[in-house]
Amino acid sequence: MDVIVINGGKALSGSVTTSGSKNAALPLLFASLLAEGEHRFDNVPQLKDIDSTELLLNQLNCKTHRTGHQMVVTVRKPKDLVAPYDIVRKMRASILCLGPLPPFGVVGAVIVVPDLLATILIVVAVVRYSRKLGGSVNAT
């Protein structure tokens, strides 16, 4: 077992600021697609994946605004449900936007995943979810 020994007989004091987690922020940002209106997020890390998520949300007709580590996402019904390959190829987490979209009437989606097994699992999940919502899926 590792041990940290502090000598000196003085009490420690102070504070430590924790930074936001990308793996927590990305699902929350995409979950905002579930409800129209304004959503505020604090402690959002400043990372390229967050930048790409912001671009993708903008592509889906959301208005975004960032100030430091705060992000505001205003969700409106998407005009177009196409995510440009140039945006989604940069991040694996872009698949998270598929889950919240069925309430907006998604009738199709193009998924590009390099791993065949991952692609199959994603397609099966999307088909099951669409059927639960009363939709149908046609393969072409």
C-alpha atoms as a PDB file:
ATOM      1  CA  MET A   1       0.000   0.000   0.000  1.00  0.00           C
ATOM      2  CA  ASP A   2       1.275   3.497  -0.862  1.00  0.00           C
ATOM      3  CA  VAL A   3       1.588   5.966   1.987  1.00  0.00           C
ATOM      4  CA  ILE A   4       2.080   9.724   2.020  1.00  0.00           C
ATOM      5  CA  VAL A   5       3.895  10.928   5.114  1.00  0.00           C
ATOM      6  CA  ILE A   6       3.744  14.636   5.998  1.00  0.00           C
ATOM      7  CA  ASN A   7       6.300  15.852   8.520  1.00  0.00           C
ATOM      8  CA  GLY A   8       6.311  19.228  10.175  1.00  0.00           C
ATOM      9  CA  GLY A   9       3.345  19.261  12.524  1.00  0.00           C
ATOM     10  CA  LYS A  10       1.510  21.963  10.561  1.00  0.00           C
ATOM     11  CA  ALA A  11      -2.107  21.649   9.486  1.00  0.00           C
ATOM     12  CA  LEU A  12      -2.792  21.741   5.776  1.00  0.00           C
ATOM     13  CA  SER A  13      -5.252  24.299   4.476  1.00  0.00           C
ATOM     14  CA  GLY A  14      -6.405  25.664   1.149  1.00  0.00           C
ATOM     15  CA  SER A  15      -8.668  24.688  -1.657  1.00  0.00           C
ATOM     16  CA  VAL A  16      -8.470  22.726  -4.864  1.00  0.00           C
ATOM     17  CA  THR A  17     -10.589  23.533  -7.888  1.00  0.00           C
ATOM     18  CA  THR A  18     -11.706  20.535  -9.888  1.00  0.00           C
ATOM     19  CA  SER A  19     -12.123  20.830 -13.621  1.00  0.00           C
ATOM     20  CA  GLY A  20     -15.045  19.563 -15.667  1.00  0.00           C
ATOM     21  CA  SER A  21     -15.032  16.116 -17.210  1.00  0.00           C
ATOM     22  CA  LYS A  22     -15.359  15.676 -20.974  1.00  0.00           C
ATOM     23  CA  ASN A  23     -16.949  12.251 -20.481  1.00  0.00           C
ATOM     24  CA  ALA A  24     -19.626  13.808 -18.273  1.00  0.00           C
ATOM     25  CA  ALA A  25     -20.166  16.968 -20.320  1.00  0.00           C
ATOM     26  CA  LEU A  26     -20.643  15.381 -23.767  1.00  0.00           C
ATOM     27  CA  PRO A  27     -23.662  13.185 -22.864  1.00  0.00           C
ATOM     28  CA  LEU A  28     -25.259  16.097 -20.986  1.00  0.00           C
ATOM     29  CA  LEU A  29     -24.808  18.495 -23.895  1.00  0.00           C
ATOM     30  CA  PHE A  30     -26.395  16.007 -26.315  1.00  0.00           C
ATOM     31  CA  ALA A  31     -29.154  15.206 -23.794  1.00  0.00           C
ATOM     32  CA  SER A  32     -30.234  18.843 -24.069  1.00  0.00           C
ATOM     33  CA  LEU A  33     -31.704  17.829 -27.460  1.00  0.00           C
ATOM     34  CA  LEU A  34     -34.498  16.081 -25.524  1.00  0.00           C
ATOM     35  CA  ALA A  35     -36.213  19.354 -24.593  1.00  0.00           C
ATOM     36  CA  GLU A  36     -36.598  22.568 -26.531  1.00  0.00           C
ATOM     37  CA  GLY A  37     -35.558  25.727 -24.725  1.00  0.00           C
ATOM     38  CA  GLU A  38     -32.496  27.065 -22.958  1.00  0.00           C
ATOM     39  CA  HIS A  39     -30.110  24.814 -21.036  1.00  0.00           C
ATOM     40  CA  ARG A  40     -27.157  26.120 -18.964  1.00  0.00           C
ATOM     41  CA  PHE A  41     -24.090  24.054 -18.182  1.00  0.00           C
ATOM     42  CA  ASP A  42     -21.308  25.055 -15.784  1.00  0.00           C
ATOM     43  CA  ASN A  43     -17.769  23.711 -15.488  1.00  0.00           C
ATOM     44  CA  VAL A  44     -17.633  22.614 -19.148  1.00  0.00           C
ATOM     45  CA  PRO A  45     -14.019  21.868 -20.109  1.00  0.00           C
ATOM     46  CA  GLN A  46     -12.437  23.717 -23.015  1.00  0.00           C
ATOM     47  CA  LEU A  47     -11.490  20.805 -25.294  1.00  0.00           C
ATOM     48  CA  LYS A  48     -11.652  20.013 -29.007  1.00  0.00           C
ATOM     49  CA  ASP A  49     -14.399  17.397 -28.468  1.00  0.00           C
ATOM     50  CA  ILE A  50     -16.530  20.062 -26.776  1.00  0.00           C
ATOM     51  CA  ASP A  51     -15.843  22.426 -29.696  1.00  0.00           C
ATOM     52  CA  SER A  52     -16.926  19.703 -32.145  1.00  0.00           C
ATOM     53  CA  THR A  53     -20.042  19.025 -30.071  1.00  0.00           C
ATOM     54  CA  GLU A  54     -20.879  22.719 -30.206  1.00  0.00           C
ATOM     55  CA  LEU A  55     -20.500  22.690 -34.013  1.00  0.00           C
ATOM     56  CA  LEU A  56     -22.748  19.621 -34.273  1.00  0.00           C
ATOM     57  CA  LEU A  57     -25.407  21.156 -32.011  1.00  0.00           C
ATOM     58  CA  ASN A  58     -25.319  24.300 -34.173  1.00  0.00           C
ATOM     59  CA  GLN A  59     -25.760  22.103 -37.257  1.00  0.00           C
ATOM     60  CA  LEU A  60     -28.872  20.642 -35.584  1.00  0.00           C
ATOM     61  CA  ASN A  61     -30.366  24.168 -35.289  1.00  0.00           C
ATOM     62  CA  CYS A  62     -29.307  24.771 -31.681  1.00  0.00           C
ATOM     63  CA  LYS A  63     -27.911  28.121 -30.653  1.00  0.00           C
ATOM     64  CA  THR A  64     -24.850  27.876 -28.421  1.00  0.00           C
ATOM     65  CA  HIS A  65     -22.909  30.428 -26.404  1.00  0.00           C
ATOM     66  CA  ARG A  66     -19.774  29.873 -24.336  1.00  0.00           C
ATOM     67  CA  THR A  67     -18.245  32.130 -21.735  1.00  0.00           C
ATOM     68  CA  GLY A  68     -15.233  30.576 -20.063  1.00  0.00           C
ATOM     69  CA  HIS A  69     -16.368  27.242 -18.648  1.00  0.00           C
ATOM     70  CA  GLN A  70     -20.094  27.980 -18.978  1.00  0.00           C
ATOM     71  CA  MET A  71     -22.114  26.913 -22.016  1.00  0.00           C
ATOM     72  CA  VAL A  72     -25.684  27.815 -22.891  1.00  0.00           C
ATOM     73  CA  VAL A  73     -27.510  25.646 -25.434  1.00  0.00           C
ATOM     74  CA  THR A  74     -30.833  26.834 -26.822  1.00  0.00           C
ATOM     75  CA  VAL A  75     -32.596  23.910 -28.472  1.00  0.00           C
ATOM     76  CA  ARG A  76     -35.000  24.423 -31.355  1.00  0.00           C
ATOM     77  CA  LYS A  77     -36.572  21.851 -33.646  1.00  0.00           C
ATOM     78  CA  PRO A  78     -33.921  20.809 -36.179  1.00  0.00           C
ATOM     79  CA  LYS A  79     -34.400  22.077 -39.747  1.00  0.00           C
ATOM     80  CA  ASP A  80     -32.024  19.471 -41.125  1.00  0.00           C
ATOM     81  CA  LEU A  81     -30.974  16.177 -39.562  1.00  0.00           C
ATOM     82  CA  VAL A  82     -27.731  15.760 -41.468  1.00  0.00           C
ATOM     83  CA  ALA A  83     -24.475  15.910 -39.574  1.00  0.00           C
ATOM     84  CA  PRO A  84     -21.563  16.777 -41.856  1.00  0.00           C
ATOM     85  CA  TYR A  85     -18.888  14.096 -41.981  1.00  0.00           C
ATOM     86  CA  ASP A  86     -16.223  16.742 -41.387  1.00  0.00           C
ATOM     87  CA  ILE A  87     -17.667  17.333 -37.900  1.00  0.00           C
ATOM     88  CA  VAL A  88     -18.582  13.784 -36.818  1.00  0.00           C
ATOM     89  CA  ARG A  89     -15.348  12.172 -38.005  1.00  0.00           C
ATOM     90  CA  LYS A  90     -13.437  14.154 -35.372  1.00  0.00           C
ATOM     91  CA  MET A  91     -15.158  12.601 -32.376  1.00  0.00           C
ATOM     92  CA  ARG A  92     -16.534   9.193 -31.423  1.00  0.00           C
ATOM     93  CA  ALA A  93     -19.041  10.832 -29.078  1.00  0.00           C
ATOM     94  CA  SER A  94     -21.013  12.264 -32.019  1.00  0.00           C
ATOM     95  CA  ILE A  95     -23.078   9.052 -31.919  1.00  0.00           C
ATOM     96  CA  LEU A  96     -24.640  10.444 -28.707  1.00  0.00           C
ATOM     97  CA  CYS A  97     -26.764  12.842 -30.757  1.00  0.00           C
ATOM     98  CA  LEU A  98     -28.794   9.942 -32.241  1.00  0.00           C
ATOM     99  CA  GLY A  99     -30.544   9.012 -28.982  1.00  0.00           C
ATOM    100  CA  PRO A 100     -32.398  12.293 -28.378  1.00  0.00           C
ATOM    101  CA  LEU A 101     -33.427  12.893 -32.016  1.00  0.00           C
ATOM    102  CA  PRO A 102     -36.479  10.557 -32.469  1.00  0.00           C
ATOM    103  CA  PRO A 103     -38.873  13.053 -30.796  1.00  0.00           C
ATOM    104  CA  PHE A 104     -38.018  15.412 -33.655  1.00  0.00           C
ATOM    105  CA  GLY A 105     -39.162  12.838 -36.222  1.00  0.00           C
ATOM    106  CA  VAL A 106     -35.872  11.357 -37.339  1.00  0.00           C
ATOM    107  CA  VAL A 107     -36.558   9.083 -40.263  1.00  0.00           C
ATOM    108  CA  GLY A 108     -33.001   8.219 -41.137  1.00  0.00           C
ATOM    109  CA  ALA A 109     -29.443   8.593 -40.033  1.00  0.00           C
ATOM    110  CA  VAL A 110     -26.076   7.857 -41.530  1.00  0.00           C
ATOM    111  CA  ILE A 111     -23.560   6.409 -39.121  1.00  0.00           C
ATOM    112  CA  VAL A 112     -19.893   6.033 -40.017  1.00  0.00           C
ATOM    113  CA  VAL A 113     -18.014   3.917 -37.493  1.00  0.00           C
ATOM    114  CA  PRO A 114     -14.715   2.238 -38.394  1.00  0.00           C
ATOM    115  CA  ASP A 115     -15.359  -0.772 -36.155  1.00  0.00           C
ATOM    116  CA  LEU A 116     -17.829  -3.264 -37.704  1.00  0.00           C
ATOM    117  CA  LEU A 117     -19.001  -4.705 -34.364  1.00  0.00           C
ATOM    118  CA  ALA A 118     -19.613  -1.209 -32.967  1.00  0.00           C
ATOM    119  CA  THR A 119     -21.583  -0.315 -36.104  1.00  0.00           C
ATOM    120  CA  ILE A 120     -23.784  -3.404 -35.754  1.00  0.00           C
ATOM    121  CA  LEU A 121     -24.452  -2.732 -32.049  1.00  0.00           C
ATOM    122  CA  ILE A 122     -25.325   0.908 -32.746  1.00  0.00           C
ATOM    123  CA  VAL A 123     -27.695   0.033 -35.589  1.00  0.00           C
ATOM    124  CA  VAL A 124     -29.440  -2.617 -33.460  1.00  0.00           C
ATOM    125  CA  ALA A 125     -29.877  -0.102 -30.615  1.00  0.00           C
ATOM    126  CA  VAL A 126     -31.266   2.592 -32.957  1.00  0.00           C
ATOM    127  CA  VAL A 127     -33.705   0.100 -34.548  1.00  0.00           C
ATOM    128  CA  ARG A 128     -34.978  -1.087 -31.150  1.00  0.00           C
ATOM    129  CA  TYR A 129     -35.385   2.482 -29.878  1.00  0.00           C
ATOM    130  CA  SER A 130     -37.205   3.605 -33.030  1.00  0.00           C
ATOM    131  CA  ARG A 131     -39.603   0.652 -32.824  1.00  0.00           C
ATOM    132  CA  LYS A 132     -40.367   1.406 -29.167  1.00  0.00           C
ATOM    133  CA  LEU A 133     -41.401   4.894 -30.258  1.00  0.00           C
ATOM    134  CA  GLY A 134     -43.713   3.428 -32.891  1.00  0.00           C
ATOM    135  CA  GLY A 135     -41.421   4.056 -35.846  1.00  0.00           C
ATOM    136  CA  SER A 136     -40.222   1.716 -38.506  1.00  0.00           C
ATOM    137  CA  VAL A 137     -36.793   1.150 -39.959  1.00  0.00           C
ATOM    138  CA  ASN A 138     -36.087   0.373 -43.586  1.00  0.00           C
ATOM    139  CA  ALA A 139     -32.640  -0.754 -44.687  1.00  0.00           C
ATOM    140  CA  THR A 140     -31.367   0.391 -48.048  1.00  0.00           C
END
